[in-house]
């Protein structure tokens, strides 16, 4: 294998693909990147056996070939180079790769490409396309709320629930829940009344989010895997083969107290006040009455307390309710728009948050469970 490439082009691709490579593995070959040169196209593939990512970049090819090389060493040397021409020559039989610049020469051992794991084909069940901007927004709005509890594997992913002309994305960790409904999905090939559900690992979605550069994402869902394709990048991930919990039953439908407040102002207040909350519970209080929202926190152990008042629009009887400040802050960060709307019913039932002015064809709901107020 022999080719020339601008070092910055190679570095940009490696910066994306390196996140897939495991730091340690019982299968050492996956600590390598597979490099496959065909003509003037270099395809690089990395995997941790659950996720495969492939990136293709243009090069000036001289001799086709394939070799697997240590991922982290390759990434470290390439990112340390300034923008320059890089000549690469690899011998897959000898298991060696040499990179030359005008300044120096760098040699590393490689392995035969035949030992690199091959990804399975995706037997298409459902496929659709979505703009990268909208798909990124759906991922960013949901993936932050997944669980990290390995004993509940389904909740470590985002549920994609597909119906004719509608895509629902749901994430929950048991303390909070996010549901995004994207309507007018006319390209979903489902008949009336048909529903298809798939749970996608949050890690795979976050990798897609970091790598998003094309205008459109093509999604192909199979029985065991899902594949995302975007111009020069392709990511394939195993699906979480677990039943997602029934989430609709925990969403309250009779919240009669409605609060609207400036999102940025509330986020800033929550961040300041939460500094004085208990480091274990992170408890803050909302006291809402007509025209005013009071945010407060108290740390009895260390004698600290803080409170702020914000103007708001409110309908309903006064209410005092407690929340974990981290969950409120996360929700406010991942909502868009100038104002946010809260819906409450009682201090012991979940509060619901929505953007006051949602995007067209989209409904976002964030649910946060309350915490019991200290006396």
Foldseek 3Di string as FASTA:
>chain_A
DKWKDWLVQVLVVLVLQVVAQDPDDPQVLLQWWKWWDDAQKIWIWHHPVFKIKIFIDGTHDDDTDIWTFRSPVVNVVSVVDDTFMWIWDDDAVQQKIWIDTPVGIDIGGTHHPVSHDDDDDFPFDKKAKDWLVVLLLLLLQALVAAAPDPVPVLLQFWKWKDAAQKTWTWHHHPFKIKIKIFGRRNRIPHDHPDIDIFTDHSVQSVSCSVVDDAGMWMWTHHPFKIWIDGVRMIMMGGTPPDDDDDDPVQDDDDQPKKKKFFLVVVLVQLVVQLVAAAPVQSKWKWKDDAQKTKIKHHDPVVGDIDIDIGGIHMDDHIAMAMFNSVLVNSNSVSADDGMKMWTHHHNQGKIKIFHPDDDPSMGMIMIGGTDDDDD
